[in-house]
Protein backbone atom coordinates (compact mmCIF):
# COMPACT_ATOMS: atom_id res chain seq x y z
CA UNK A 1 5.82 -29.52 -78.07
CA UNK A 2 5.18 -31.83 -80.79
CA UNK A 3 1.93 -30.52 -81.86
CA UNK A 4 2.72 -26.72 -81.46
CA UNK A 5 3.52 -24.72 -84.98
CA UNK A 6 7.26 -23.18 -85.12
CA UNK A 7 5.83 -19.95 -83.50
CA UNK A 8 3.93 -21.47 -80.70
CA UNK A 9 7.60 -23.23 -79.74
CA UNK A 10 9.05 -19.84 -80.14
CA UNK A 11 6.66 -18.58 -77.73
CA UNK A 12 6.82 -21.26 -75.23
CA UNK A 13 10.28 -21.02 -75.05
CA UNK A 14 9.79 -17.80 -74.08
CA UNK A 15 7.57 -18.79 -71.68
CA UNK A 16 9.71 -21.06 -70.10
CA UNK A 17 12.31 -18.68 -69.55
CA UNK A 18 10.22 -16.23 -68.03
CA UNK A 19 8.08 -18.41 -65.76
CA UNK A 20 12.04 -20.02 -64.02
CA UNK A 21 12.62 -16.21 -63.83
CA UNK A 22 9.68 -15.66 -61.55
CA UNK A 23 10.24 -19.38 -59.88
CA UNK A 24 13.39 -17.99 -59.49
CA UNK A 25 12.90 -14.97 -58.13
CA UNK A 26 10.49 -16.74 -55.03
CA UNK A 27 13.77 -17.74 -53.75
CA UNK A 28 15.51 -14.03 -53.21
CA UNK A 29 13.90 -12.59 -49.85
CA UNK A 30 16.02 -15.48 -48.24
CA UNK A 31 18.79 -14.72 -50.55
CA UNK A 32 21.30 -12.05 -49.17
CA UNK A 33 22.04 -9.81 -52.17
CA UNK A 34 25.79 -9.80 -50.65
CA UNK A 35 25.67 -13.35 -52.30
CA UNK A 36 24.06 -13.01 -55.45
CA UNK A 37 23.97 -9.36 -56.18
CA UNK A 38 22.84 -10.26 -59.81
CA UNK A 39 20.16 -12.33 -58.82
CA UNK A 40 18.44 -9.01 -56.33
CA UNK A 41 17.60 -7.67 -59.61
CA UNK A 42 15.12 -9.86 -60.28
CA UNK A 43 13.03 -8.16 -57.41
CA UNK A 44 12.54 -5.15 -58.98
CA UNK A 45 11.18 -6.87 -62.26
CA UNK A 46 8.78 -9.45 -60.09
CA UNK A 47 5.52 -7.24 -61.15
CA UNK A 48 6.69 -7.36 -64.63
CA UNK A 49 6.84 -11.11 -64.18
CA UNK A 50 3.84 -11.78 -62.71
CA UNK A 51 1.99 -9.80 -65.32
CA UNK A 52 4.00 -11.81 -68.03
CA UNK A 53 3.27 -15.31 -66.98
CA UNK A 54 -0.67 -14.10 -66.52
CA UNK A 55 -0.41 -13.23 -70.45
CA UNK A 56 1.38 -16.54 -71.26
CA UNK A 57 -1.58 -18.48 -69.48
CA UNK A 58 -4.19 -16.53 -70.59
CA UNK A 59 -2.74 -17.26 -74.12
CA UNK A 60 -2.52 -21.03 -73.56
CA UNK A 61 -5.65 -21.27 -72.28
CA UNK A 62 -7.45 -19.14 -75.24
CA UNK A 63 -6.16 -21.86 -77.31
CA UNK A 64 -6.84 -24.91 -75.03
CA UNK A 65 -2.88 -25.96 -74.55
CA UNK A 66 -1.86 -27.45 -72.07
CA UNK A 67 1.50 -25.17 -71.80
CA UNK A 68 -0.88 -22.83 -69.76
CA UNK A 69 -0.16 -25.22 -66.62
CA UNK A 70 3.30 -23.88 -66.32
CA UNK A 71 2.71 -20.27 -65.57
CA UNK A 72 -0.14 -21.12 -63.91
CA UNK A 73 1.30 -23.65 -61.68
CA UNK A 74 4.27 -21.12 -61.10
CA UNK A 75 1.73 -18.38 -60.51
CA UNK A 76 -0.62 -19.98 -58.09
CA UNK A 77 2.74 -21.39 -55.75
CA UNK A 78 3.28 -17.63 -55.72
CA UNK A 79 0.29 -16.65 -54.91
CA UNK A 80 0.15 -19.26 -52.29
CA UNK A 81 4.52 -18.28 -50.89
CA UNK A 82 4.57 -14.16 -52.02
CA UNK A 83 3.56 -11.15 -50.15
CA UNK A 84 0.18 -10.00 -52.58
CA UNK A 85 0.90 -7.60 -55.38
CA UNK A 86 -2.45 -6.44 -55.64
CA UNK A 87 -5.16 -6.28 -52.84
CA UNK A 88 -8.69 -7.11 -53.69
CA UNK A 89 -10.28 -5.45 -50.24
CA UNK A 90 -9.52 -2.63 -48.41
CA UNK A 91 -10.16 -2.03 -44.42
CA UNK A 92 -11.83 0.46 -42.40
CA UNK A 93 -12.30 0.39 -38.96
CA UNK A 94 -11.43 4.00 -37.43
CA UNK A 95 -11.77 4.25 -33.90
CA UNK A 96 -11.39 7.31 -32.10
CA UNK A 97 -8.31 6.78 -30.24
CA UNK A 98 -6.25 5.33 -33.99
CA UNK A 99 -2.60 7.23 -34.77
CA UNK A 100 -2.76 8.38 -38.44
CA UNK A 101 1.23 7.94 -40.00
CA UNK A 102 1.61 9.07 -43.93
CA UNK A 103 4.64 8.58 -45.15
CA UNK A 104 6.07 10.34 -48.22
CA UNK A 105 9.45 10.58 -50.14
CA UNK A 106 9.26 14.36 -51.16
CA UNK A 107 12.09 14.10 -53.18
CA UNK A 108 13.24 17.70 -52.38
CA UNK A 109 9.96 19.60 -53.12
CA UNK A 110 11.00 19.81 -56.45
CA UNK A 111 14.14 22.26 -55.41
CA UNK A 112 16.01 21.36 -58.72
CA UNK A 113 12.18 21.48 -60.87
CA UNK A 114 12.33 18.08 -61.88
CA UNK A 115 8.66 18.57 -62.58
CA UNK A 116 7.51 21.73 -64.66
CA UNK A 117 5.50 23.59 -61.90
CA UNK A 118 6.43 25.66 -59.12
CA UNK A 119 3.59 25.20 -57.09
CA UNK A 120 4.39 21.43 -55.47
CA UNK A 121 5.81 22.51 -52.33
CA UNK A 122 2.04 24.31 -51.81
CA UNK A 123 0.57 20.92 -53.55
CA UNK A 124 2.14 18.84 -50.77
CA UNK A 125 1.68 21.01 -48.41
CA UNK A 126 -2.46 21.11 -49.35
CA UNK A 127 -1.96 18.00 -49.58
CA UNK A 128 -0.90 16.83 -46.19
CA UNK A 129 -3.03 19.45 -44.55
CA UNK A 130 -6.15 18.00 -46.12
CA UNK A 131 -5.56 14.62 -44.62
CA UNK A 132 -3.72 16.00 -41.41
CA UNK A 133 -1.59 12.68 -39.81
CA UNK A 134 -0.97 12.93 -36.35
CA UNK A 135 2.81 11.66 -37.74
CA UNK A 136 4.09 12.79 -40.53
CA UNK A 137 7.33 11.20 -42.06
CA UNK A 138 9.36 12.86 -45.10
CA UNK A 139 12.68 11.72 -47.11
CA UNK A 140 14.25 13.49 -49.12
CA UNK A 141 13.12 16.42 -47.45
CA UNK A 142 14.60 19.92 -48.19
CA UNK A 143 14.97 22.22 -45.12
CA UNK A 144 15.66 25.41 -46.96
CA UNK A 145 11.82 25.32 -48.16
CA UNK A 146 9.84 27.55 -46.30
CA UNK A 147 7.17 24.71 -45.18
CA UNK A 148 4.35 25.45 -42.56
CA UNK A 149 3.08 21.41 -41.72
CA UNK A 150 1.26 22.92 -38.42
CA UNK A 151 3.09 20.48 -36.21
CA UNK A 152 3.91 21.65 -32.91
CA UNK A 153 6.89 18.92 -32.60
CA UNK A 154 9.24 17.80 -34.90
CA UNK A 155 13.01 16.09 -35.58
CA UNK A 156 14.73 17.08 -38.79
CA UNK A 157 18.13 15.32 -39.77
CA UNK A 158 20.92 16.20 -42.14
CA UNK A 159 24.10 14.45 -42.56
CA UNK A 160 26.30 17.70 -42.50
CA UNK A 161 25.13 21.85 -41.42
CA UNK A 162 25.73 22.30 -44.87
CA UNK A 163 23.89 20.04 -46.58
CA UNK A 164 20.53 20.67 -45.96
CA UNK A 165 19.08 17.26 -47.80
CA UNK A 166 17.79 14.81 -45.36
CA UNK A 167 14.97 13.03 -42.82
CA UNK A 168 12.15 15.13 -40.86
CA UNK A 169 9.53 13.38 -38.43
CA UNK A 170 6.61 15.66 -37.44
CA UNK A 171 4.27 14.70 -34.65
CA UNK A 172 1.29 16.08 -32.84
CA UNK A 173 2.34 14.36 -29.83
CA UNK A 174 5.53 15.03 -27.64
CA UNK A 175 8.68 13.72 -28.79
CA UNK A 176 10.68 12.75 -25.88
CA UNK A 177 13.96 11.18 -27.58
CA UNK A 178 15.29 11.22 -31.14
CA UNK A 179 18.50 9.92 -32.91
CA UNK A 180 20.51 8.91 -36.28
CA UNK A 181 21.78 5.78 -37.07
CA UNK A 182 24.26 7.91 -39.48
CA UNK A 183 24.74 5.57 -42.22
CA UNK A 184 28.37 5.79 -43.18
CA UNK A 185 29.55 6.59 -47.60
CA UNK A 186 26.37 7.42 -48.61
CA UNK A 187 23.79 10.66 -48.04
CA UNK A 188 21.21 8.17 -47.12
CA UNK A 189 20.21 7.90 -43.67
CA UNK A 190 17.60 6.17 -40.79
CA UNK A 191 16.58 8.16 -37.88
CA UNK A 192 14.25 7.54 -34.99
CA UNK A 193 11.90 9.52 -32.60
CA UNK A 194 9.79 8.26 -29.32
CA UNK A 195 6.36 9.93 -29.37
CA UNK A 196 4.55 9.92 -26.28
CA UNK A 197 0.73 9.33 -26.68
CA UNK A 198 -1.23 9.38 -23.49
CA UNK A 199 0.26 6.77 -21.77
CA UNK A 200 2.29 4.97 -24.17
CA UNK A 201 5.89 5.76 -25.99
CA UNK A 202 5.81 5.10 -29.41
CA UNK A 203 9.31 4.11 -31.00
CA UNK A 204 8.73 5.96 -35.01
CA UNK A 205 11.55 4.79 -37.06
CA UNK A 206 12.00 6.88 -40.74
CA UNK A 207 14.35 5.24 -43.33
CA UNK A 208 15.54 5.59 -46.28
CA UNK A 209 17.62 3.04 -48.07
CA UNK A 210 20.01 3.15 -50.51
CA UNK A 211 18.59 4.52 -53.99
CA UNK A 212 19.09 2.04 -56.74
CA UNK A 213 19.28 4.89 -59.10
CA UNK A 214 16.08 4.03 -61.01
CA UNK A 215 14.45 6.82 -63.42
CA UNK A 216 10.41 7.09 -63.75
CA UNK A 217 10.88 6.10 -66.97
CA UNK A 218 12.45 3.42 -69.62
CA UNK A 219 15.42 4.80 -69.62
CA UNK A 220 16.59 2.44 -67.55
CA UNK A 221 16.75 -0.48 -69.60
CA UNK A 222 17.41 0.89 -72.78
CA UNK A 223 20.55 2.74 -72.10
CA UNK A 224 23.77 1.58 -74.07
CA UNK A 225 26.22 1.68 -70.69
CA UNK A 226 24.29 -1.43 -69.66
CA UNK A 227 27.63 -2.56 -67.64
CA UNK A 228 27.67 0.60 -65.78
CA UNK A 229 23.63 -0.12 -64.82
CA UNK A 230 24.12 -3.44 -63.46
CA UNK A 231 27.47 -1.94 -61.83
CA UNK A 232 25.59 0.68 -59.75
CA UNK A 233 22.38 -1.62 -58.77
CA UNK A 234 25.20 -4.41 -57.30
CA UNK A 235 26.88 -1.45 -55.38
CA UNK A 236 23.16 -0.47 -53.79
CA UNK A 237 22.04 -3.71 -53.26
CA UNK A 238 25.30 -4.51 -51.09
CA UNK A 239 24.56 -0.97 -49.28
CA UNK A 240 21.39 -2.00 -48.65
CA UNK A 241 22.15 -4.96 -46.86
CA UNK A 242 24.81 -3.76 -44.37
CA UNK A 243 22.37 -0.56 -43.92
CA UNK A 244 19.31 -3.62 -43.39
CA UNK A 245 21.56 -4.90 -40.56
CA UNK A 246 22.77 -1.54 -38.83
CA UNK A 247 18.84 -0.74 -38.58
CA UNK A 248 18.30 -4.24 -37.01
CA UNK A 249 20.65 -4.34 -34.73
CA UNK A 250 19.28 -0.77 -33.36
CA UNK A 251 15.74 -2.05 -33.64
CA UNK A 252 16.17 -4.99 -31.44
CA UNK A 253 16.63 -3.12 -28.43
CA UNK A 254 13.45 -1.47 -28.08
CA UNK A 255 10.92 -3.88 -26.82
CA UNK A 256 7.92 -1.54 -26.61
CA UNK A 257 5.36 -0.43 -29.36
CA UNK A 258 7.20 0.63 -32.72
CA UNK A 259 6.16 1.90 -36.09
CA UNK A 260 8.42 1.75 -39.38
CA UNK A 261 8.08 3.28 -42.33
CA UNK A 262 10.27 5.35 -45.47
CA UNK A 263 11.40 4.57 -48.82
CA UNK A 264 13.60 1.09 -48.64
CA UNK A 265 13.94 1.24 -52.13
CA UNK A 266 13.38 -2.21 -52.37
CA UNK A 267 10.21 -4.18 -53.03
CA UNK A 268 8.03 -6.36 -50.95
CA UNK A 269 9.51 -9.45 -52.96
CA UNK A 270 13.21 -8.32 -51.54
CA UNK A 271 15.51 -9.72 -48.80
CA UNK A 272 15.67 -5.65 -47.27
CA UNK A 273 11.98 -6.21 -46.91
CA UNK A 274 11.79 -9.83 -45.59
CA UNK A 275 14.55 -9.07 -43.08
CA UNK A 276 12.62 -5.69 -41.92
CA UNK A 277 9.21 -7.01 -42.10
CA UNK A 278 9.91 -10.01 -39.91
CA UNK A 279 6.93 -10.02 -37.28
CA UNK A 280 5.79 -7.25 -37.97
CA UNK A 281 2.22 -6.31 -39.63
CA UNK A 282 2.45 -4.13 -43.13
CA UNK A 283 -0.05 -1.62 -43.36
CA UNK A 284 -1.15 -2.25 -47.38
CA UNK A 285 -1.34 -5.86 -46.48
CA UNK A 286 -3.62 -5.95 -43.75
CA UNK A 287 -6.13 -3.00 -44.94
CA UNK A 288 -5.10 -1.87 -48.47
CA UNK A 289 -6.59 -2.12 -52.21
CA UNK A 290 -4.91 -2.38 -55.59
CA UNK A 291 -1.30 -2.44 -56.25
CA UNK A 292 -0.32 0.18 -53.42
CA UNK A 293 2.32 1.35 -56.07
CA UNK A 294 4.39 3.89 -54.48
CA UNK A 295 7.18 4.80 -57.39
CA UNK A 296 5.77 6.61 -60.61
CA UNK A 297 7.73 3.90 -62.93
CA UNK A 298 6.23 2.19 -65.78
CA UNK A 299 4.69 -0.51 -64.01
CA UNK A 300 3.64 -1.45 -60.48
CA UNK A 301 6.11 -0.97 -57.86
CA UNK A 302 5.58 -0.37 -54.08
CA UNK A 303 9.28 0.17 -52.09
CA UNK A 304 7.62 2.96 -49.65
CA UNK A 305 6.34 1.44 -46.71
CA UNK A 306 4.42 1.55 -43.02
CA UNK A 307 5.17 -1.59 -40.98
CA UNK A 308 4.14 -2.08 -37.39
CA UNK A 309 5.13 -4.46 -34.13
CA UNK A 310 2.37 -7.63 -34.08
CA UNK A 311 0.61 -6.52 -31.26
CA UNK A 312 -1.02 -3.39 -33.25
CA UNK A 313 -4.00 -3.23 -35.35
CA UNK A 314 -4.06 -1.56 -38.87
CA UNK A 315 -7.51 0.25 -39.50
CA UNK A 316 -6.91 1.85 -42.04
CA UNK A 317 -4.27 2.60 -45.54
CA UNK A 318 -4.63 5.20 -48.39
CA UNK A 319 -2.09 5.20 -51.26
CA UNK A 320 -2.26 8.43 -53.29
CA UNK A 321 -1.82 9.17 -56.97
CA UNK A 322 -1.03 12.61 -56.83
CA UNK A 323 2.81 13.26 -59.01
CA UNK A 324 4.16 16.10 -56.64
CA UNK A 325 7.24 13.66 -56.53
CA UNK A 326 8.65 10.68 -58.46
CA UNK A 327 7.15 9.03 -55.35
CA UNK A 328 3.54 8.51 -53.94
CA UNK A 329 2.49 9.37 -50.35
CA UNK A 330 1.26 6.40 -48.15
CA UNK A 331 -1.31 6.48 -45.10
CA UNK A 332 -2.53 4.32 -42.59
CA UNK A 333 -4.72 4.60 -39.05
CA UNK A 334 -3.23 2.17 -36.51
CA UNK A 335 -4.15 1.35 -32.94
CA UNK A 336 -2.86 -0.73 -29.87
């Protein structure tokens, strides 16, 4: 530090703070947000913290300063312990018997015209027809929109008869059982359907966990009422813990093949993801490429997931970039 200029000392101090925040975030998957909800907020900023530490390491390396070891060592530790934020190589080994699954938060098919485009419902329909998944999961589904997705079997659940917003599972295979976990004190929910494919019964879970009310631009970070924002985030994290617990209690009763997908409203660096993904395969990690970004935010956020039981083989994964919602759809092919 003695040999650094005043400006570089200030930069290094900021570097230390950012590096410590990233290190603290490594503990988040193991700490319930009920205990430290403020700390849980870090899970949303992990991609940003990683990129910032890369910049710091590059800055010090450029000037051949040993200070680059601070960020570099913490980044290496994260690379060894965290789920990858970026995948260099994809997998593509489709077989004739694979099952294709798409998950998509469609934001009510743009019912309230957040996007200035009246053709959004048609464009979503066209995207689905072009990819033709065997199983199609919707979050933020709106049942009054006149959509024909050309599936013989479906299960649609709304919280009340008058509320047309909910979750949907469409299937090319017979649905022999279905149900809802009926989450309380929230508009979010979890549903499931058991599909019969050949001689196999496969349980499909569609999750839409508590929203953290993130907006698709930088407004969340610049708004004046930051205390209100923190309160919303803390409440959202606590509800996610309760919803995750309810889901895990329900899921453990099913011993067969399964797929868990949907909008978790949290990242792969969170306690929520760590609990739900335990002993499962993440389709993006197994076969994806790039950032796998699923939310239209100002830095890459992956908050939508497709998971399978550990016996499944993930053969392909795709994420899309069409801005027909505030989320991007994801598609995978699975075989057992």
